[in-house]
Amino acid sequence: MASSSTDLGVNEHHEEIIRHYVRFSGEQKIVGLRSFHAAADDFKNQRLSDEEMMTANEVHEFLNEFIDILEKEFEQELTHQYRVNALLIKQLFQQAEQWFLKLNPNFDQLENRRLIDLIRDYEQQNLNKIKAKGNKQANTLMDPINDTKSTILLKTEIQRLQQSNDHLKQQETTRLISNKEETFSQKLESNEKRLKEIQQALLLAENELEKKFNQTNTYINMKRIIEQKNHQIRQLRQQLTGDNDEEEDED
């Protein structure tokens, strides 16, 4: 960590980047103020003269137009600033993605008054240092990450770990699928066994029902009636056979 009276909670390299950005933003603020003053001066030169007297309505109209000019300048400046900030965030994300990192900024902290005051104090501290050093100009460009041997090796190791992690995820997915298939097979086997048991129980129940039905009075009566009918039919056949034999003898 950098040893300073205003500790930002980052390492020295990142603190230097913040310092550059604070200076860059300060220069942008100066440019924006100059643009405000230039727009105001142009408007006054166009609308005012030393000899001209203005009525109350003209003053009111003048102020409204002046406010409109300032609002447009202010809107342009804010638009430029958030686009610059978005570009900076994009650069940080691109560098993080090279290292397979996912950044998660806490946007709630952007409205934290204590943290904003911390940046204000840090900015004032750096302004005092610049004045003490004779107001020397500082470099406002961020240094890219150098691909030295150590960083290349580290990136290679990160890629290897990423591949290993993907492989482990794939193995875990395969294991889960295999477990589900095994569970499904066991359930299917259990259901088939249960189905056979139910079919056997149903067959036994049908046999038992048939046995009980055969023992009922209704079945016994029906059986006796059928036997009587069969006996009568046999007698009729015998009678018919005897009659035919007698006719043949007479002939």
Protein backbone atom coordinates (compact mmCIF):
# COMPACT_ATOMS: atom_id res chain seq x y z
CA MET A 1 0.00 0.00 0.00
CA ALA A 2 1.08 3.54 -0.60
CA SER A 3 1.91 5.40 2.57
CA SER A 4 -0.14 8.58 2.47
CA SER A 5 -2.27 10.53 4.91
CA THR A 6 -5.31 9.78 2.76
CA ASP A 7 -5.45 5.99 2.37
CA LEU A 8 -7.59 4.91 -0.57
CA GLY A 9 -7.27 1.22 0.27
CA VAL A 10 -5.51 0.28 -3.00
CA ASN A 11 -1.94 -0.64 -3.92
CA GLU A 12 0.63 1.88 -5.12
CA HIS A 13 0.10 1.15 -8.81
CA HIS A 14 -3.66 1.66 -8.61
CA GLU A 15 -3.24 4.76 -6.46
CA GLU A 16 -1.02 6.23 -9.16
CA ILE A 17 -3.75 5.57 -11.73
CA ILE A 18 -6.30 7.29 -9.49
CA ARG A 19 -3.92 10.21 -9.14
CA HIS A 20 -3.65 10.50 -12.93
CA TYR A 21 -7.42 10.34 -13.30
CA VAL A 22 -7.95 13.04 -10.66
CA ARG A 23 -5.53 15.30 -12.52
CA PHE A 24 -7.17 14.49 -15.83
CA SER A 25 -10.62 15.28 -14.38
CA GLY A 26 -9.28 18.54 -12.95
CA GLU A 27 -8.05 19.58 -16.38
CA GLN A 28 -11.43 18.64 -17.86
CA LYS A 29 -13.11 20.78 -15.21
CA ILE A 30 -10.98 23.77 -16.19
CA VAL A 31 -11.85 23.24 -19.86
CA GLY A 32 -15.54 23.02 -18.97
CA LEU A 33 -15.43 26.25 -16.95
CA ARG A 34 -13.69 28.02 -19.81
CA SER A 35 -16.42 26.82 -22.13
CA PHE A 36 -19.04 28.20 -19.73
CA HIS A 37 -17.33 31.58 -19.57
CA ALA A 38 -16.87 31.71 -23.33
CA ALA A 39 -20.54 30.95 -23.95
CA ALA A 40 -21.58 33.59 -21.41
CA ASP A 41 -19.24 36.22 -22.90
CA ASP A 42 -20.44 35.55 -26.44
CA PHE A 43 -24.04 35.88 -25.38
CA LYS A 44 -23.41 39.13 -23.48
CA ASN A 45 -21.49 40.63 -26.40
CA GLN A 46 -24.31 39.80 -28.77
CA ARG A 47 -27.16 41.03 -26.58
CA LEU A 48 -25.69 43.84 -24.49
CA SER A 49 -24.23 47.22 -25.31
CA ASP A 50 -23.01 50.04 -23.06
CA GLU A 51 -25.56 52.55 -24.34
CA GLU A 52 -28.61 50.31 -24.51
CA MET A 53 -31.25 50.60 -21.82
CA MET A 54 -33.37 47.50 -21.15
CA THR A 55 -36.88 47.26 -19.84
CA ALA A 56 -37.91 44.78 -17.17
CA ASN A 57 -39.40 42.44 -19.79
CA GLU A 58 -36.21 42.61 -21.86
CA VAL A 59 -34.12 41.81 -18.78
CA HIS A 60 -36.40 38.86 -18.02
CA GLU A 61 -36.09 37.62 -21.61
CA PHE A 62 -32.34 38.13 -21.50
CA LEU A 63 -31.97 36.08 -18.31
CA ASN A 64 -34.11 33.24 -19.69
CA GLU A 65 -32.00 33.03 -22.83
CA PHE A 66 -28.83 33.22 -20.76
CA ILE A 67 -30.02 30.34 -18.55
CA ASP A 68 -30.84 28.29 -21.66
CA ILE A 69 -27.31 28.82 -22.98
CA LEU A 70 -25.78 27.75 -19.67
CA GLU A 71 -28.06 24.69 -19.45
CA LYS A 72 -26.95 23.53 -22.89
CA GLU A 73 -23.29 24.00 -22.00
CA PHE A 74 -23.81 22.20 -18.69
CA GLU A 75 -25.62 19.31 -20.39
CA GLN A 76 -22.85 18.96 -22.98
CA GLU A 77 -20.21 18.93 -20.25
CA LEU A 78 -22.03 16.28 -18.19
CA THR A 79 -22.58 14.14 -21.29
CA HIS A 80 -18.89 14.36 -22.13
CA GLN A 81 -17.90 13.42 -18.58
CA TYR A 82 -20.07 10.30 -18.30
CA ARG A 83 -18.89 9.15 -21.72
CA VAL A 84 -15.29 9.56 -20.61
CA ASN A 85 -16.07 7.60 -17.43
CA ALA A 86 -17.78 4.86 -19.45
CA LEU A 87 -14.69 4.63 -21.68
CA LEU A 88 -12.46 4.32 -18.61
CA ILE A 89 -14.65 1.55 -17.15
CA LYS A 90 -14.54 -0.23 -20.52
CA GLN A 91 -10.72 -0.20 -20.45
CA LEU A 92 -10.67 -1.61 -16.93
CA PHE A 93 -13.10 -4.38 -17.85
CA GLN A 94 -11.08 -5.31 -20.94
CA GLN A 95 -7.91 -5.59 -18.85
CA ALA A 96 -9.76 -7.66 -16.24
CA GLU A 97 -11.10 -10.03 -18.91
CA GLN A 98 -7.54 -10.70 -20.08
CA TRP A 99 -7.00 -12.20 -16.63
CA PHE A 100 -10.35 -14.03 -16.63
CA LEU A 101 -11.70 -11.74 -13.92
CA LYS A 102 -15.23 -10.42 -13.53
CA LEU A 103 -15.42 -7.02 -11.84
CA ASN A 104 -18.49 -6.11 -9.78
CA PRO A 105 -18.50 -2.37 -8.98
CA ASN A 106 -20.60 -1.20 -6.06
CA PHE A 107 -22.61 1.69 -7.52
CA ASP A 108 -24.12 2.48 -4.12
CA GLN A 109 -20.72 3.79 -3.02
CA LEU A 110 -20.89 6.47 -5.73
CA GLU A 111 -23.33 8.36 -3.49
CA ASN A 112 -21.45 7.72 -0.25
CA ARG A 113 -20.61 11.18 1.11
CA ARG A 114 -17.77 9.89 3.27
CA LEU A 115 -16.05 8.24 0.31
CA ILE A 116 -16.62 11.30 -1.87
CA ASP A 117 -15.01 13.47 0.80
CA LEU A 118 -12.12 11.00 0.89
CA ILE A 119 -11.49 11.60 -2.83
CA ARG A 120 -11.82 15.35 -2.25
CA ASP A 121 -9.16 15.25 0.46
CA TYR A 122 -6.95 13.07 -1.72
CA GLU A 123 -7.32 15.53 -4.61
CA GLN A 124 -6.44 18.48 -2.39
CA GLN A 125 -3.45 16.60 -1.02
CA ASN A 126 -2.11 15.99 -4.52
CA LEU A 127 -2.71 19.60 -5.53
CA ASN A 128 -0.60 20.70 -2.59
CA LYS A 129 2.17 18.32 -3.64
CA ILE A 130 2.11 19.65 -7.19
CA LYS A 131 2.36 23.24 -5.97
CA ALA A 132 5.26 22.26 -3.72
CA LYS A 133 7.12 20.71 -6.65
CA GLY A 134 6.77 23.78 -8.82
CA ASN A 135 3.60 22.68 -10.56
CA LYS A 136 5.35 20.21 -12.85
CA GLN A 137 3.19 18.55 -15.47
CA ALA A 138 2.36 14.90 -14.79
CA ASN A 139 1.77 12.12 -17.22
CA THR A 140 -1.97 11.48 -17.61
CA LEU A 141 -1.82 8.22 -19.57
CA MET A 142 -2.42 4.88 -17.92
CA ASP A 143 0.40 2.37 -18.39
CA PRO A 144 -0.80 -0.85 -20.01
CA ILE A 145 -0.10 -4.17 -18.37
CA ASN A 146 3.33 -5.33 -19.55
CA ASP A 147 3.53 -8.91 -20.77
CA THR A 148 6.76 -9.81 -18.99
CA LYS A 149 7.80 -13.43 -18.45
CA SER A 150 6.18 -13.51 -15.03
CA THR A 151 2.86 -12.15 -16.29
CA ILE A 152 2.90 -14.53 -19.26
CA LEU A 153 3.49 -17.47 -16.94
CA LEU A 154 0.74 -16.24 -14.65
CA LYS A 155 -1.68 -15.91 -17.56
CA THR A 156 -0.77 -19.42 -18.71
CA GLU A 157 -1.44 -20.76 -15.23
CA ILE A 158 -4.78 -18.94 -15.11
CA GLN A 159 -5.74 -20.46 -18.46
CA ARG A 160 -4.73 -23.91 -17.22
CA LEU A 161 -6.80 -23.47 -14.07
CA GLN A 162 -9.71 -22.23 -16.15
CA GLN A 163 -9.51 -25.31 -18.39
CA SER A 164 -9.19 -27.56 -15.35
CA ASN A 165 -12.22 -25.90 -13.81
CA ASP A 166 -14.22 -26.39 -17.01
CA HIS A 167 -13.14 -30.05 -17.10
CA LEU A 168 -14.22 -30.56 -13.50
CA LYS A 169 -17.57 -28.94 -14.24
CA GLN A 170 -18.02 -31.30 -17.20
CA GLN A 171 -17.12 -34.31 -15.05
CA GLU A 172 -19.57 -33.20 -12.38
CA THR A 173 -22.29 -32.81 -15.00
CA THR A 174 -21.53 -36.29 -16.39
CA ARG A 175 -21.60 -37.75 -12.87
CA LEU A 176 -24.95 -36.15 -12.13
CA ILE A 177 -26.39 -37.46 -15.39
CA SER A 178 -25.02 -40.95 -14.65
CA ASN A 179 -26.52 -40.87 -11.15
CA LYS A 180 -29.87 -39.80 -12.54
CA GLU A 181 -29.79 -42.60 -15.12
CA GLU A 182 -28.92 -45.13 -12.42
CA THR A 183 -31.70 -43.84 -10.20
CA PHE A 184 -34.16 -44.00 -13.10
CA SER A 185 -33.06 -47.57 -13.92
CA GLN A 186 -33.55 -48.62 -10.30
CA LYS A 187 -36.99 -47.03 -10.20
CA LEU A 188 -37.93 -48.73 -13.48
CA GLU A 189 -36.78 -52.13 -12.18
CA SER A 190 -38.70 -51.57 -8.96
CA ASN A 191 -41.84 -50.60 -10.87
CA GLU A 192 -41.59 -53.67 -13.10
CA LYS A 193 -41.21 -55.90 -10.05
CA ARG A 194 -44.17 -54.20 -8.42
CA LEU A 195 -46.23 -54.67 -11.60
CA LYS A 196 -45.51 -58.42 -11.64
CA GLU A 197 -46.52 -58.68 -8.01
CA ILE A 198 -49.77 -56.87 -8.72
CA GLN A 199 -50.48 -59.10 -11.74
CA GLN A 200 -49.89 -62.24 -9.65
CA ALA A 201 -52.09 -60.90 -6.90
CA LEU A 202 -54.79 -60.12 -9.47
CA LEU A 203 -54.60 -63.63 -10.92
CA LEU A 204 -54.89 -65.17 -7.46
CA ALA A 205 -57.83 -62.92 -6.70
CA GLU A 206 -59.58 -63.97 -9.94
CA ASN A 207 -59.00 -67.66 -9.18
CA GLU A 208 -60.24 -67.19 -5.65
CA LEU A 209 -63.28 -65.33 -6.92
CA GLU A 210 -64.03 -68.06 -9.44
CA LYS A 211 -63.63 -70.69 -6.73
CA LYS A 212 -66.00 -68.85 -4.43
CA PHE A 213 -68.51 -68.41 -7.25
CA ASN A 214 -68.45 -72.14 -7.97
CA GLN A 215 -69.43 -72.75 -4.37
CA THR A 216 -72.50 -70.48 -4.47
CA ASN A 217 -76.12 -71.75 -4.74
CA THR A 218 -76.59 -69.94 -8.01
CA TYR A 219 -73.74 -71.83 -9.61
CA ILE A 220 -74.94 -75.14 -8.15
CA ASN A 221 -78.52 -74.59 -9.43
CA MET A 222 -77.27 -73.56 -12.85
CA LYS A 223 -75.07 -76.65 -12.98
CA ARG A 224 -78.01 -78.94 -11.99
CA ILE A 225 -80.29 -77.37 -14.60
CA ILE A 226 -77.66 -77.79 -17.28
CA GLU A 227 -77.17 -81.44 -16.32
CA GLN A 228 -80.94 -82.03 -16.48
CA LYS A 229 -81.15 -80.44 -19.89
CA ASN A 230 -78.27 -82.54 -21.12
CA HIS A 231 -80.00 -85.67 -19.77
CA GLN A 232 -83.24 -84.77 -21.54
CA ILE A 233 -81.38 -84.18 -24.78
CA ARG A 234 -79.75 -87.60 -24.54
CA GLN A 235 -83.14 -89.23 -23.93
CA LEU A 236 -84.64 -87.49 -26.94
CA ARG A 237 -81.78 -88.63 -29.11
CA GLN A 238 -82.26 -92.20 -27.91
CA GLN A 239 -86.00 -92.07 -28.64
CA LEU A 240 -85.39 -90.67 -32.09
CA THR A 241 -82.86 -93.37 -32.78
CA GLY A 242 -85.30 -96.10 -31.66
CA ASP A 243 -88.13 -94.78 -33.85
CA ASN A 244 -85.90 -94.74 -36.90
CA ASP A 245 -84.87 -98.34 -36.32
CA GLU A 246 -88.54 -99.50 -36.12
CA GLU A 247 -89.43 -97.79 -39.39
CA GLU A 248 -86.57 -99.49 -41.16
CA ASP A 249 -87.72 -102.91 -39.88
CA GLU A 250 -91.27 -102.37 -41.19
CA ASP A 251 -89.96 -101.52 -44.61
